[in-house]
Amino acid sequence: MDVLDLARWQFGITTVYHFIFVPLTIGLTLLVAIMQTLWVVSKHDRWLTLTKFYGKLMMINFAIGVVTGIVQEFQFGMTWSEYSRFVGDVFGAPLAMEALLAFFVESVFLGLWVFGWSKLSRKVHLACIWLVAAASGISASFILAANSWMQHPVGTTFNPETGRAEMASIGAVLTNPTLLAALPHTLTAAWVTAGGFVMGVALWWMVRTVRTREPDQVERARDIWRPAVILGAVVLLVGAGGVAISGDTLGQMMVEQQPGKMAAAEAVCDTEESAAFTVAAFGTSCENMTRIIEVPYVASFLSTHHMTGPRSEFKGTNDIQAEMEQFFADNTQGHDEAVANHVASDVNFIPDIMTSFWSFRLMIGLGLVGALLALLSLWVTRKGRLTDSVWMKRLGIIFLPLPFLACSFGWIFTEIGRQPWLVHPAPNGIDGVWLLTERGVSSGVSAGQVLTSMIIFTLVYAVLAVAWYRLMHRYTVEGLPEIHDDSPDARVEAGEPAEYEGPLTFAY
């Protein structure tokens, strides 16, 4: 394998690994904030117990996510320095804003939340976790601004003298229509992940507790675990609705901005009206494609919102390839002529069809499975009911990894579907701002160096994965913590001095 292949594998491995933790962190900070709000408002200890139980799991996930995320930015200088040289003026701005604004807010107020249980009033302490949740969303918005610019470059001009993309408008980058659609899609996917996590763990504990047949334990399941199941299921369903609506918007944009990605996702080879949705397909190219179960009109409806007529036309991969070849043959846009000629004559503008096709379907299918389990969970807990079904307990555990996989497949589809571009040209080739993946890799590193770093990263990540799993498993099966409200408010209510006299220690 050459440097390009190894660099792509390395970035793919580290990115997908890091992204496992991101949606749970974003979603779980929100859910923990909701739980703590319910405690402050209702003063019911169940919500304090759940806040501390899921808060501990949130912090473990947050820590691992931070560690794995650091590697991502180092790679821009290690194996993708040519990409950094080309886009640094644009791509670096939202990343710097994310670190200086969102990440520092997350870090500071998460620290106050962790150590401030006995120092801060209930409302101030509650405000800290809400600021963490808000900063997590803001952090995602800056990261997505950078990624959305790669999908659809705006607010930028190409300088032929330096061969670099240069920022023309940071406002345009931060209001990129692709970002405005991708952000709600990502945030609601995080709600699905976190809601499913809370629901799955609570289901497992509810069934386990009810099956003891001890009256106090059954009551504990009714008092604590059933509300957690319902909260998780409701958040999951709300998130699933948001994912569907924002995903539809993204699909419409994709047809305009990256038609090759949408054509590959549906494995449509030739332009046609009323294109069918293919449930399953196998093959390496259009010439040897085997399709299983085709549903008429659905592909056209998903991409155009029209099922018949000229407006339902769905562009196929063959026509998109021809159009892109012609465009780049006619427009060098200030790039080196040899590069432009190479693009026009030698580049396959269609991403890998099978990877795009199946990652798109697995993303959607696994999300639907989660929604069905949420509905089932609400049904078995309706009107104060509990369940002792072993199958519900098993489903709760089996379901836990599915939202993570759905998010990962969505990210794989987004990134592989952009190929062969690191920076995908805008529909009109705006200002010549585009960069092939093959031209973004560092020219000063060898295949051996990339392979060595990839092996080291993979081994380190394997150790972190074991540590993450053992910690999450340990504190999940350990069960609910013994809780005590030692806030200044509680001391005042008990007639004690509000000032905490003990040392500042870790809250857990």
Protein backbone atom coordinates (compact mmCIF):
# COMPACT_ATOMS: atom_id res chain seq x y z
CA MET A 1 0.00 0.00 0.00
CA ASP A 2 1.25 3.49 -0.81
CA VAL A 3 1.28 6.56 1.43
CA LEU A 4 -2.14 7.73 0.23
CA ASP A 5 -3.88 4.43 1.01
CA LEU A 6 -2.24 4.14 4.41
CA ALA A 7 -2.99 7.77 5.28
CA ARG A 8 -6.65 7.28 4.38
CA TRP A 9 -6.86 4.10 6.45
CA GLN A 10 -5.20 5.81 9.40
CA PHE A 11 -7.50 8.82 9.32
CA GLY A 12 -10.55 6.59 8.80
CA ILE A 13 -9.68 4.36 11.75
CA THR A 14 -8.95 7.20 14.15
CA THR A 15 -11.96 9.27 13.05
CA VAL A 16 -14.51 6.47 13.32
CA TYR A 17 -13.03 5.42 16.67
CA HIS A 18 -13.22 8.97 18.03
CA PHE A 19 -16.73 9.47 16.70
CA ILE A 20 -17.99 6.53 18.76
CA PHE A 21 -17.77 8.73 21.85
CA VAL A 22 -18.92 12.05 20.40
CA PRO A 23 -22.70 11.49 20.04
CA LEU A 24 -22.98 9.89 23.48
CA THR A 25 -21.15 12.83 25.06
CA ILE A 26 -23.32 15.42 23.29
CA GLY A 27 -26.56 13.61 24.06
CA LEU A 28 -25.77 12.42 27.57
CA THR A 29 -24.78 15.87 28.82
CA LEU A 30 -28.25 17.03 27.75
CA LEU A 31 -29.99 14.08 29.42
CA VAL A 32 -28.04 14.50 32.65
CA ALA A 33 -28.94 18.20 32.60
CA ILE A 34 -32.62 17.25 32.16
CA MET A 35 -32.42 14.76 35.04
CA GLN A 36 -30.82 17.30 37.35
CA THR A 37 -33.41 19.91 36.33
CA LEU A 38 -36.19 17.46 37.23
CA TRP A 39 -34.54 16.97 40.63
CA VAL A 40 -34.19 20.70 41.33
CA VAL A 41 -37.78 21.35 40.26
CA SER A 42 -39.50 18.31 41.80
CA LYS A 43 -37.08 17.74 44.71
CA HIS A 44 -37.60 14.00 44.16
CA ASP A 45 -34.48 12.01 45.04
CA ARG A 46 -34.96 9.62 42.12
CA TRP A 47 -33.70 12.27 39.73
CA LEU A 48 -30.67 13.07 41.89
CA THR A 49 -29.84 9.36 41.98
CA LEU A 50 -30.15 9.06 38.20
CA THR A 51 -28.17 12.27 37.68
CA LYS A 52 -25.23 10.90 39.63
CA PHE A 53 -25.51 7.42 38.09
CA TYR A 54 -25.55 8.55 34.45
CA GLY A 55 -23.31 11.55 35.22
CA LYS A 56 -20.48 9.20 36.16
CA LEU A 57 -20.85 7.32 32.88
CA MET A 58 -20.98 10.64 31.02
CA MET A 59 -17.64 11.73 32.51
CA ILE A 60 -15.90 8.48 31.58
CA ASN A 61 -17.09 8.84 28.01
CA PHE A 62 -16.15 12.54 27.91
CA ALA A 63 -12.59 11.82 29.05
CA ILE A 64 -11.97 9.10 26.46
CA GLY A 65 -13.50 11.29 23.76
CA VAL A 66 -11.12 14.14 24.56
CA VAL A 67 -8.06 11.87 24.45
CA THR A 68 -9.00 10.30 21.12
CA GLY A 69 -9.97 13.65 19.61
CA ILE A 70 -6.53 15.17 20.12
CA VAL A 71 -5.06 12.77 17.56
CA GLN A 72 -7.41 14.05 14.87
CA GLU A 73 -5.91 17.51 14.64
CA PHE A 74 -2.32 16.25 14.79
CA GLN A 75 -2.93 14.25 11.62
CA PHE A 76 -3.50 17.42 9.59
CA GLY A 77 0.18 18.17 10.05
CA MET A 78 1.45 14.59 10.06
CA THR A 79 -0.01 12.87 7.02
CA TRP A 80 -2.19 15.56 5.43
CA SER A 81 0.09 18.58 5.36
CA GLU A 82 -0.69 19.36 1.70
CA TYR A 83 -4.36 19.53 2.63
CA SER A 84 -3.50 21.82 5.55
CA ARG A 85 -1.44 24.06 3.28
CA PHE A 86 -4.34 24.37 0.84
CA VAL A 87 -7.19 24.96 3.31
CA GLY A 88 -5.46 26.17 6.48
CA ASP A 89 -6.68 29.73 6.06
CA VAL A 90 -10.28 28.51 6.07
CA PHE A 91 -10.36 25.17 7.86
CA GLY A 92 -8.28 26.36 10.80
CA ALA A 93 -10.64 29.16 11.79
CA PRO A 94 -13.64 27.10 13.02
CA LEU A 95 -11.30 24.56 14.65
CA ALA A 96 -9.58 27.35 16.59
CA MET A 97 -12.94 28.81 17.57
CA GLU A 98 -14.07 25.39 18.79
CA ALA A 99 -11.00 25.02 21.01
CA LEU A 100 -10.90 28.58 22.34
CA LEU A 101 -14.61 28.95 22.97
CA ALA A 102 -16.59 25.73 23.18
CA PHE A 103 -14.00 23.30 24.53
CA PHE A 104 -12.79 25.63 27.28
CA VAL A 105 -16.38 26.31 28.36
CA GLU A 106 -17.04 22.56 28.47
CA SER A 107 -13.88 21.92 30.49
CA VAL A 108 -14.35 24.73 33.00
CA PHE A 109 -17.99 24.14 33.76
CA LEU A 110 -17.69 20.35 33.76
CA GLY A 111 -15.00 20.80 36.41
CA LEU A 112 -17.28 23.07 38.41
CA TRP A 113 -20.09 20.55 38.06
CA VAL A 114 -17.94 17.60 39.17
CA PHE A 115 -16.35 19.32 42.16
CA GLY A 116 -19.10 21.78 43.02
CA TRP A 117 -21.83 19.60 44.51
CA SER A 118 -21.06 20.77 48.03
CA LYS A 119 -19.85 24.26 47.11
CA LEU A 120 -22.47 25.63 44.72
CA SER A 121 -26.15 26.26 45.24
CA ARG A 122 -28.51 23.90 43.44
CA LYS A 123 -29.40 26.39 40.74
CA VAL A 124 -25.84 27.53 40.08
CA HIS A 125 -24.69 23.91 39.99
CA LEU A 126 -27.53 23.10 37.59
CA ALA A 127 -26.49 26.01 35.37
CA CYS A 128 -23.01 24.46 35.10
CA ILE A 129 -24.26 21.23 33.51
CA TRP A 130 -26.53 23.16 31.16
CA LEU A 131 -23.53 25.23 30.06
CA VAL A 132 -21.63 21.99 29.43
CA ALA A 133 -24.52 20.68 27.34
CA ALA A 134 -24.75 23.95 25.39
CA ALA A 135 -20.98 24.06 24.85
CA SER A 136 -21.05 20.49 23.55
CA GLY A 137 -23.55 21.55 20.91
CA ILE A 138 -21.53 24.66 20.05
CA SER A 139 -18.40 22.53 19.78
CA ALA A 140 -20.19 20.27 17.33
CA SER A 141 -21.31 23.29 15.30
CA PHE A 142 -17.73 24.53 14.80
CA ILE A 143 -16.43 21.08 13.86
CA LEU A 144 -19.33 20.63 11.46
CA ALA A 145 -18.68 24.09 10.01
CA ALA A 146 -15.22 22.90 9.01
CA ASN A 147 -16.52 19.60 7.66
CA SER A 148 -19.47 21.20 5.85
CA TRP A 149 -17.04 23.53 4.12
CA MET A 150 -15.24 20.44 2.79
CA GLN A 151 -18.59 19.17 1.51
CA HIS A 152 -19.66 22.53 0.07
CA PRO A 153 -16.97 25.28 0.03
CA VAL A 154 -18.42 28.76 0.50
CA GLY A 155 -17.04 32.12 1.65
CA THR A 156 -13.71 31.33 -0.01
CA THR A 157 -11.64 32.32 -3.02
CA PHE A 158 -8.80 30.49 -4.75
CA ASN A 159 -5.47 32.28 -5.06
CA PRO A 160 -3.69 30.88 -8.14
CA GLU A 161 -0.40 32.52 -7.14
CA THR A 162 -0.15 30.69 -3.83
CA GLY A 163 -2.29 27.72 -4.84
CA ARG A 164 -4.34 28.09 -1.65
CA ALA A 165 -7.95 28.63 -0.68
CA GLU A 166 -8.35 31.91 1.20
CA MET A 167 -11.09 33.06 3.55
CA ALA A 168 -13.40 35.68 2.07
CA SER A 169 -16.22 35.54 4.64
CA ILE A 170 -16.21 33.72 7.97
CA GLY A 171 -19.93 34.51 8.18
CA ALA A 172 -20.58 32.52 5.02
CA VAL A 173 -18.58 29.58 6.40
CA LEU A 174 -20.53 29.62 9.68
CA THR A 175 -23.90 29.92 7.89
CA ASN A 176 -23.15 27.38 5.17
CA PRO A 177 -26.51 25.82 4.19
CA THR A 178 -24.88 22.40 4.45
CA LEU A 179 -23.94 23.18 8.06
CA LEU A 180 -27.44 24.42 8.88
CA ALA A 181 -28.80 21.04 7.78
CA ALA A 182 -25.97 18.86 9.15
CA LEU A 183 -25.98 20.38 12.65
CA PRO A 184 -29.56 19.41 13.61
CA HIS A 185 -28.98 16.03 11.98
CA THR A 186 -25.91 15.42 14.15
CA LEU A 187 -27.45 16.76 17.36
CA THR A 188 -30.63 14.74 17.03
CA ALA A 189 -28.56 11.63 16.19
CA ALA A 190 -26.77 12.28 19.50
CA TRP A 191 -30.15 12.36 21.24
CA VAL A 192 -30.96 8.98 19.69
CA THR A 193 -27.64 7.57 20.91
CA ALA A 194 -27.91 8.94 24.44
CA GLY A 195 -31.62 8.20 24.74
CA GLY A 196 -30.98 4.63 23.64
CA PHE A 197 -28.11 4.33 26.09
CA VAL A 198 -30.20 5.54 29.04
CA MET A 199 -33.14 3.39 27.97
CA GLY A 200 -31.07 0.23 27.40
CA VAL A 201 -29.26 0.41 30.74
CA ALA A 202 -32.47 1.22 32.60
CA LEU A 203 -34.33 -1.65 30.90
CA TRP A 204 -31.62 -4.08 31.98
CA TRP A 205 -31.74 -2.84 35.56
CA MET A 206 -35.54 -2.70 35.70
CA VAL A 207 -35.99 -6.32 34.63
CA ARG A 208 -33.14 -7.47 36.86
CA THR A 209 -34.61 -5.66 39.86
CA VAL A 210 -38.18 -6.82 39.28
CA ARG A 211 -37.08 -10.45 38.93
CA THR A 212 -35.78 -10.43 42.52
CA ARG A 213 -39.49 -10.52 43.53
CA GLU A 214 -38.62 -8.54 46.64
CA PRO A 215 -41.27 -5.87 47.29
CA ASP A 216 -38.78 -3.12 48.12
CA GLN A 217 -36.75 -3.90 45.00
CA VAL A 218 -39.85 -3.96 42.80
CA GLU A 219 -40.83 -0.59 44.20
CA ARG A 220 -37.31 0.66 43.52
CA ALA A 221 -37.68 -0.42 39.89
CA ARG A 222 -40.99 1.41 39.67
CA ASP A 223 -39.66 4.53 41.36
CA ILE A 224 -36.31 4.89 39.59
CA TRP A 225 -35.74 2.62 36.60
CA ARG A 226 -39.15 2.93 34.97
CA PRO A 227 -38.92 6.77 34.74
CA ALA A 228 -35.41 6.38 33.28
CA VAL A 229 -36.70 3.98 30.63
CA ILE A 230 -39.49 6.38 29.71
CA LEU A 231 -37.17 9.42 29.59
CA GLY A 232 -34.66 7.59 27.40
CA ALA A 233 -37.35 6.26 25.06
CA VAL A 234 -39.00 9.67 24.66
CA VAL A 235 -35.68 11.39 23.93
CA LEU A 236 -34.82 8.64 21.45
CA LEU A 237 -38.12 9.06 19.59
CA VAL A 238 -37.82 12.87 19.53
CA GLY A 239 -34.28 12.48 18.23
CA ALA A 240 -35.38 9.94 15.61
CA GLY A 241 -37.99 12.39 14.33
CA GLY A 242 -35.36 15.12 14.13
CA VAL A 243 -32.94 12.81 12.32
CA ALA A 244 -35.60 11.93 9.74
CA ILE A 245 -36.60 15.56 9.06
CA SER A 246 -33.03 16.91 8.94
CA GLY A 247 -31.91 13.88 6.93
CA ASP A 248 -34.54 14.63 4.32
CA THR A 249 -33.23 18.20 4.07
CA LEU A 250 -29.67 16.92 3.74
CA GLY A 251 -30.77 14.50 1.02
CA GLN A 252 -32.26 17.35 -1.00
CA MET A 253 -29.03 19.32 -0.67
CA MET A 254 -26.98 16.27 -1.57
CA VAL A 255 -28.76 15.95 -4.91
CA GLU A 256 -27.70 19.49 -5.76
CA GLN A 257 -24.27 19.70 -4.14
CA GLN A 258 -22.94 16.14 -4.44
CA PRO A 259 -25.09 14.22 -6.93
CA GLY A 260 -22.49 11.46 -7.18
CA LYS A 261 -22.91 10.67 -3.49
CA MET A 262 -26.68 10.32 -3.78
CA ALA A 263 -26.44 8.26 -6.98
CA ALA A 264 -23.99 5.89 -5.27
CA ALA A 265 -26.21 5.67 -2.18
CA GLU A 266 -29.09 4.45 -4.34
CA ALA A 267 -26.89 2.53 -6.84
CA VAL A 268 -28.61 4.31 -9.73
CA CYS A 269 -26.37 4.00 -12.77
CA ASP A 270 -28.41 5.65 -15.53
CA THR A 271 -30.51 8.79 -15.25
CA GLU A 272 -34.21 7.94 -15.04
CA GLU A 273 -37.55 9.26 -13.93
CA SER A 274 -39.45 7.56 -11.10
CA ALA A 275 -36.30 5.77 -9.93
CA ALA A 276 -36.84 2.77 -7.69
CA PHE A 277 -35.39 2.27 -4.21
CA THR A 278 -33.28 -0.89 -4.05
CA VAL A 279 -33.45 -2.74 -0.75
CA ALA A 280 -30.24 -4.70 -1.35
CA ALA A 281 -27.61 -4.69 -4.07
CA PHE A 282 -24.32 -6.48 -4.63
CA GLY A 283 -21.54 -5.94 -7.13
CA THR A 284 -18.41 -3.92 -7.74
CA SER A 285 -19.76 -1.71 -10.53
CA CYS A 286 -22.84 -0.89 -12.55
CA GLU A 287 -21.92 -3.59 -15.05
CA ASN A 288 -22.19 -6.47 -12.57
CA MET A 289 -24.77 -5.09 -10.13
CA THR A 290 -27.30 -7.55 -8.69
CA ARG A 291 -30.39 -5.90 -7.20
CA ILE A 292 -32.76 -7.49 -4.69
CA ILE A 293 -36.25 -6.04 -4.16
CA GLU A 294 -36.86 -2.74 -5.92
CA VAL A 295 -39.58 -0.41 -4.65
CA PRO A 296 -40.82 1.83 -7.52
CA TYR A 297 -40.69 5.63 -7.24
CA VAL A 298 -39.14 5.76 -3.75
CA ALA A 299 -35.59 6.78 -4.72
CA SER A 300 -36.93 9.66 -6.81
CA PHE A 301 -39.27 10.72 -4.02
CA LEU A 302 -36.46 10.71 -1.44
CA SER A 303 -34.22 12.86 -3.62
CA THR A 304 -36.71 15.17 -5.37
CA HIS A 305 -40.04 14.83 -3.46
CA HIS A 306 -41.61 13.90 -6.80
CA MET A 307 -42.56 10.37 -7.77
CA THR A 308 -43.36 10.83 -11.46
CA GLY A 309 -42.75 13.26 -14.29
CA PRO A 310 -39.68 15.24 -15.35
CA ARG A 311 -39.19 16.67 -11.85
CA SER A 312 -38.68 13.13 -10.51
CA GLU A 313 -35.55 12.69 -12.64
CA PHE A 314 -32.76 10.97 -10.73
CA LYS A 315 -29.27 11.42 -12.16
CA GLY A 316 -27.29 8.21 -12.50
CA THR A 317 -23.59 7.67 -11.92
CA ASN A 318 -22.75 7.33 -15.62
CA ASP A 319 -24.22 10.72 -16.54
CA ILE A 320 -22.70 12.42 -13.50
CA GLN A 321 -19.27 11.09 -14.46
CA ALA A 322 -19.65 12.46 -18.00
CA GLU A 323 -20.85 15.87 -16.77
CA MET A 324 -17.95 16.22 -14.31
CA GLU A 325 -15.40 15.24 -16.95
CA GLN A 326 -16.79 17.88 -19.30
CA PHE A 327 -16.88 20.55 -16.61
CA PHE A 328 -13.25 20.12 -15.63
CA ALA A 329 -12.18 19.89 -19.25
CA ASP A 330 -13.71 23.34 -19.78
CA ASN A 331 -12.72 24.99 -16.47
CA THR A 332 -9.21 24.96 -15.04
CA GLN A 333 -10.24 27.70 -12.55
CA GLY A 334 -6.66 28.87 -12.07
CA HIS A 335 -5.29 25.46 -11.04
CA ASP A 336 -2.21 24.01 -12.64
CA GLU A 337 -3.21 22.94 -16.16
CA ALA A 338 -1.68 19.49 -15.76
CA VAL A 339 -3.75 18.96 -12.62
CA ALA A 340 -6.91 20.17 -14.35
CA ASN A 341 -6.28 17.86 -17.30
CA HIS A 342 -5.69 14.94 -14.94
CA VAL A 343 -8.96 15.69 -13.16
CA ALA A 344 -10.89 15.88 -16.42
CA SER A 345 -9.52 12.70 -17.98
CA ASP A 346 -8.33 10.30 -15.27
CA VAL A 347 -10.48 10.80 -12.17
CA ASN A 348 -13.44 8.61 -11.24
CA PHE A 349 -15.88 11.14 -9.80
CA ILE A 350 -18.21 8.50 -8.32
CA PRO A 351 -17.48 7.23 -4.78
CA ASP A 352 -17.37 3.53 -4.04
CA ILE A 353 -20.92 2.42 -4.76
CA MET A 354 -21.19 -0.56 -2.41
CA THR A 355 -19.72 1.28 0.58
CA SER A 356 -22.02 4.26 0.01
CA PHE A 357 -25.04 2.05 -0.67
CA TRP A 358 -24.72 -0.14 2.42
CA SER A 359 -23.53 2.51 4.89
CA PHE A 360 -26.56 4.61 3.89
CA ARG A 361 -28.95 1.72 4.54
CA LEU A 362 -27.31 0.55 7.74
CA MET A 363 -27.45 4.10 9.09
CA ILE A 364 -31.19 4.30 8.44
CA GLY A 365 -32.01 0.69 9.34
CA LEU A 366 -30.28 0.70 12.72
CA GLY A 367 -31.99 3.99 13.55
CA LEU A 368 -35.38 2.46 12.78
CA VAL A 369 -34.61 -0.52 15.03
CA GLY A 370 -33.95 1.92 17.87
CA ALA A 371 -37.25 3.71 17.32
CA LEU A 372 -39.14 0.40 17.37
CA LEU A 373 -37.51 -0.65 20.64
CA ALA A 374 -38.36 2.74 22.17
CA LEU A 375 -42.01 2.27 21.22
CA LEU A 376 -41.94 -1.26 22.67
CA SER A 377 -40.40 0.05 25.90
CA LEU A 378 -43.09 2.70 26.25
CA TRP A 379 -45.73 0.03 25.65
CA VAL A 380 -44.46 -2.39 28.33
CA THR A 381 -44.15 0.45 30.89
CA ARG A 382 -47.50 2.11 30.13
CA LYS A 383 -49.87 3.05 32.98
CA GLY A 384 -47.36 2.32 35.71
CA ARG A 385 -46.53 -1.17 34.50
CA LEU A 386 -43.19 -2.91 34.99
CA THR A 387 -41.80 -5.86 33.05
CA ASP A 388 -39.83 -8.90 34.13
CA SER A 389 -39.37 -10.16 30.59
CA VAL A 390 -35.92 -11.65 30.05
CA TRP A 391 -36.26 -10.70 26.40
CA MET A 392 -36.65 -7.03 27.27
CA LYS A 393 -33.54 -7.28 29.41
CA ARG A 394 -31.64 -8.87 26.54
CA LEU A 395 -32.98 -6.36 24.02
CA GLY A 396 -31.83 -3.51 26.25
CA ILE A 397 -28.25 -4.82 26.14
CA ILE A 398 -28.30 -5.88 22.48
CA PHE A 399 -29.58 -2.45 21.50
CA LEU A 400 -26.81 -0.46 23.25
CA PRO A 401 -24.24 -0.59 20.40
CA LEU A 402 -26.77 -0.06 17.58
CA PRO A 403 -27.05 3.78 17.75
CA PHE A 404 -23.25 4.00 17.88
CA LEU A 405 -23.05 1.86 14.75
CA ALA A 406 -25.74 3.92 13.04
CA CYS A 407 -23.79 7.14 13.73
CA SER A 408 -20.56 5.55 12.53
CA PHE A 409 -22.13 4.34 9.30
CA GLY A 410 -23.56 7.81 8.77
CA TRP A 411 -20.12 9.34 9.17
CA ILE A 412 -18.59 6.74 6.83
CA PHE A 413 -21.25 7.55 4.23
CA THR A 414 -20.63 11.28 4.57
CA GLU A 415 -16.87 11.00 4.14
CA ILE A 416 -16.50 8.18 1.62
CA GLY A 417 -19.39 9.60 -0.38
CA ARG A 418 -17.37 12.79 -0.88
CA GLN A 419 -14.56 10.93 -2.62
CA PRO A 420 -12.47 11.46 -4.70
CA TRP A 421 -12.48 14.92 -3.14
CA LEU A 422 -11.05 16.22 0.10
CA VAL A 423 -12.74 19.52 -0.72
CA HIS A 424 -15.69 18.81 -2.98
CA PRO A 425 -16.21 21.43 -5.69
CA ALA A 426 -19.36 23.50 -5.33
CA PRO A 427 -22.02 22.77 -8.00
CA ASN A 428 -20.71 25.58 -10.22
CA GLY A 429 -17.03 24.99 -9.37
CA ILE A 430 -17.09 28.23 -7.38
CA ASP A 431 -13.77 30.10 -7.63
CA GLY A 432 -11.85 26.90 -8.30
CA VAL A 433 -11.93 25.84 -4.64
CA TRP A 434 -11.52 22.07 -4.76
CA LEU A 435 -8.88 19.53 -3.79
CA LEU A 436 -8.48 15.88 -4.74
CA THR A 437 -7.79 13.46 -1.90
CA GLU A 438 -4.70 12.21 -3.69
CA ARG A 439 -3.21 15.72 -3.64
CA GLY A 440 -3.82 16.36 0.06
CA VAL A 441 -1.48 13.75 1.51
CA SER A 442 1.91 14.79 2.89
CA SER A 443 4.75 14.55 0.40
CA GLY A 444 7.48 14.27 3.04
CA VAL A 445 6.44 11.06 4.78
CA SER A 446 7.05 7.47 3.76
CA ALA A 447 4.67 4.54 3.73
CA GLY A 448 6.68 2.99 6.57
CA GLN A 449 6.26 6.07 8.76
CA VAL A 450 2.51 6.19 8.21
CA LEU A 451 2.18 2.45 8.82
CA THR A 452 4.21 2.69 12.03
CA SER A 453 2.12 5.55 13.41
CA MET A 454 -1.09 3.76 12.39
CA ILE A 455 -0.04 0.61 14.26
CA ILE A 456 0.88 2.65 17.36
CA PHE A 457 -2.39 4.59 17.30
CA THR A 458 -4.38 1.39 16.84
CA LEU A 459 -2.64 -0.29 19.78
CA VAL A 460 -3.12 2.76 22.01
CA TYR A 461 -6.77 2.97 20.98
CA ALA A 462 -7.21 -0.73 21.73
CA VAL A 463 -5.92 -0.14 25.28
CA LEU A 464 -8.23 2.87 25.65
CA ALA A 465 -11.16 0.80 24.36
CA VAL A 466 -10.52 -1.85 27.02
CA ALA A 467 -10.25 0.82 29.72
CA TRP A 468 -13.45 2.55 28.51
CA TYR A 469 -15.41 -0.70 28.41
CA ARG A 470 -14.21 -1.88 31.82
CA LEU A 471 -15.04 1.45 33.45
CA MET A 472 -18.45 1.75 31.78
CA HIS A 473 -19.26 -1.87 32.61
CA ARG A 474 -18.05 -1.56 36.20
CA TYR A 475 -20.07 1.51 37.07
CA THR A 476 -23.13 0.31 35.15
CA VAL A 477 -23.41 -3.05 36.93
CA GLU A 478 -22.42 -1.47 40.25
CA GLY A 479 -25.85 0.10 40.30
CA LEU A 480 -27.25 3.21 41.87
CA PRO A 481 -25.05 5.29 44.16
CA GLU A 482 -25.97 6.21 47.70
CA ILE A 483 -27.00 9.82 47.35
CA HIS A 484 -26.86 12.71 49.74
CA ASP A 485 -27.81 16.27 48.98
CA ASP A 486 -24.88 18.17 50.47
CA SER A 487 -25.50 21.43 48.62
CA PRO A 488 -25.39 24.73 50.55
CA ASP A 489 -29.18 24.93 50.09
CA ALA A 490 -29.63 21.60 51.89
CA ARG A 491 -27.43 22.70 54.78
CA VAL A 492 -29.41 25.92 55.16
CA GLU A 493 -32.67 23.96 55.09
CA ALA A 494 -31.29 21.70 57.83
CA GLY A 495 -30.35 24.71 59.95
CA GLU A 496 -26.61 24.21 59.39
CA PRO A 497 -24.00 26.73 58.16
CA ALA A 498 -24.15 27.13 54.41
CA GLU A 499 -20.35 27.12 54.08
CA TYR A 500 -18.87 23.68 53.39
CA GLU A 501 -16.05 22.96 55.86
CA GLY A 502 -14.61 19.83 54.27
CA PRO A 503 -11.94 19.50 51.57
CA LEU A 504 -12.74 19.96 47.89
CA THR A 505 -12.83 16.38 46.65
CA PHE A 506 -14.06 14.47 43.63
CA ALA A 507 -17.83 14.22 43.86
CA TYR A 508 -17.94 10.52 43.12
